[in-house]
Amino acid sequence: MASPPRAERAFWRRALRSPGVQLLVLIVAAAFLFGEAIAKQGGFEPLRHRLGAIAPLVTVPAHAAIAISPLPSEVIAVGNGLCYGFWQGALLNWLGWMLAALVH
């Protein structure tokens, strides 16, 4: 089997050294590990019940902090939708985005 052309190898070498690609790989790995940790605990519902009334007080500031950062806050938005359902999740997402807008 012939090896790939030299230019193609150089492209992949540069791409793997790129901070953007490294950050993307790190985010995907963190999301996978987070998903595995949630799955080991039985999913989002037991986690929400364990945190109780404090769960929204954790998720709204976390959403605001991520919304201010350059990272996408849709991860928190999807998590809120999975944990609380559509309407409650939408309300918590809106509160997080409004808090981020006030702080930013």
Protein backbone atom coordinates (compact mmCIF):
# COMPACT_ATOMS: atom_id res chain seq x y z
CA MET A 1 0.00 0.00 0.00
CA ALA A 2 1.42 3.36 -1.02
CA SER A 3 1.82 6.08 1.59
CA PRO A 4 -0.22 9.28 1.22
CA PRO A 5 1.32 12.16 -0.69
CA ARG A 6 3.66 14.40 1.21
CA ALA A 7 1.32 17.42 1.08
CA GLU A 8 -1.51 15.40 2.59
CA ARG A 9 0.68 14.23 5.48
CA ALA A 10 1.80 17.82 6.09
CA PHE A 11 -1.83 18.98 6.18
CA TRP A 12 -2.79 16.44 8.83
CA ARG A 13 0.33 17.19 10.85
CA ARG A 14 -0.52 20.92 10.86
CA ALA A 15 -4.18 20.24 11.61
CA LEU A 16 -3.38 18.06 14.63
CA ARG A 17 -1.06 20.76 16.00
CA SER A 18 -3.72 23.44 15.64
CA PRO A 19 -5.03 24.78 18.97
CA GLY A 20 -8.57 24.83 17.58
CA VAL A 21 -8.48 21.15 16.66
CA GLN A 22 -6.90 20.28 20.01
CA LEU A 23 -9.64 22.23 21.82
CA LEU A 24 -12.32 20.44 19.79
CA VAL A 25 -10.83 17.05 20.67
CA LEU A 26 -10.70 18.07 24.34
CA ILE A 27 -14.35 19.20 24.31
CA VAL A 28 -15.50 15.96 22.65
CA ALA A 29 -13.52 13.88 25.16
CA ALA A 30 -14.94 15.87 28.10
CA ALA A 31 -18.50 15.48 26.76
CA PHE A 32 -17.98 11.74 26.39
CA LEU A 33 -16.65 11.42 29.94
CA PHE A 34 -19.50 13.57 31.27
CA GLY A 35 -22.02 11.39 29.46
CA GLU A 36 -20.44 8.25 30.87
CA ALA A 37 -20.52 9.68 34.41
CA ILE A 38 -24.21 10.61 34.06
CA ALA A 39 -25.01 7.18 32.61
CA LYS A 40 -23.31 5.44 35.56
CA GLN A 41 -25.57 7.37 37.94
CA GLY A 42 -28.70 6.25 36.10
CA GLY A 43 -29.27 9.26 33.84
CA PHE A 44 -30.38 12.83 34.41
CA GLU A 45 -33.50 12.13 36.47
CA PRO A 46 -31.74 10.60 39.52
CA LEU A 47 -29.18 13.40 39.41
CA ARG A 48 -31.93 16.01 39.41
CA HIS A 49 -33.76 14.30 42.27
CA ARG A 50 -30.54 14.01 44.26
CA LEU A 51 -29.79 17.72 43.87
CA GLY A 52 -33.42 18.63 44.59
CA ALA A 53 -34.40 22.29 44.67
CA ILE A 54 -30.79 23.43 44.38
CA ALA A 55 -30.44 22.01 40.83
CA PRO A 56 -31.88 25.11 39.08
CA LEU A 57 -29.66 27.29 41.27
CA VAL A 58 -26.68 25.38 39.89
CA THR A 59 -27.72 25.13 36.25
CA VAL A 60 -28.69 28.79 35.68
CA PRO A 61 -25.32 30.30 36.79
CA ALA A 62 -23.47 27.49 34.99
CA HIS A 63 -25.43 28.31 31.83
CA ALA A 64 -24.62 32.01 32.24
CA ALA A 65 -20.92 31.32 32.76
CA ILE A 66 -20.71 29.15 29.67
CA ALA A 67 -22.79 31.62 27.63
CA ILE A 68 -20.28 34.37 28.46
CA SER A 69 -17.35 32.16 27.43
CA PRO A 70 -16.58 31.36 23.79
CA LEU A 71 -17.86 27.80 24.31
CA PRO A 72 -21.35 26.91 23.05
CA SER A 73 -23.99 26.98 25.77
CA GLU A 74 -26.29 24.67 23.86
CA VAL A 75 -24.84 21.75 25.83
CA ILE A 76 -26.40 23.17 29.00
CA ALA A 77 -29.59 23.98 27.08
CA VAL A 78 -29.97 20.38 25.92
CA GLY A 79 -29.21 19.13 29.43
CA ASN A 80 -31.89 21.40 30.88
CA GLY A 81 -34.36 20.12 28.32
CA LEU A 82 -33.53 16.51 29.18
CA CYS A 83 -33.72 17.09 32.93
CA TYR A 84 -36.72 19.38 33.22
CA GLY A 85 -38.74 18.92 30.06
CA PHE A 86 -39.36 21.44 27.33
CA TRP A 87 -41.06 24.34 29.15
CA GLN A 88 -39.13 24.27 32.40
CA GLY A 89 -35.89 23.70 30.49
CA ALA A 90 -36.69 26.61 28.18
CA LEU A 91 -37.36 28.85 31.17
CA LEU A 92 -34.07 27.88 32.85
CA ASN A 93 -32.20 28.39 29.57
CA TRP A 94 -33.76 31.80 29.12
CA LEU A 95 -32.84 32.76 32.68
CA GLY A 96 -29.25 31.63 32.10
CA TRP A 97 -28.96 33.62 28.88
CA MET A 98 -30.49 36.72 30.51
CA LEU A 99 -28.10 36.45 33.44
CA ALA A 100 -25.22 36.17 30.99
CA ALA A 101 -26.44 39.26 29.15
CA LEU A 102 -26.66 41.21 32.42
CA VAL A 103 -23.16 40.18 33.49
CA HIS A 104 -21.58 40.60 30.09
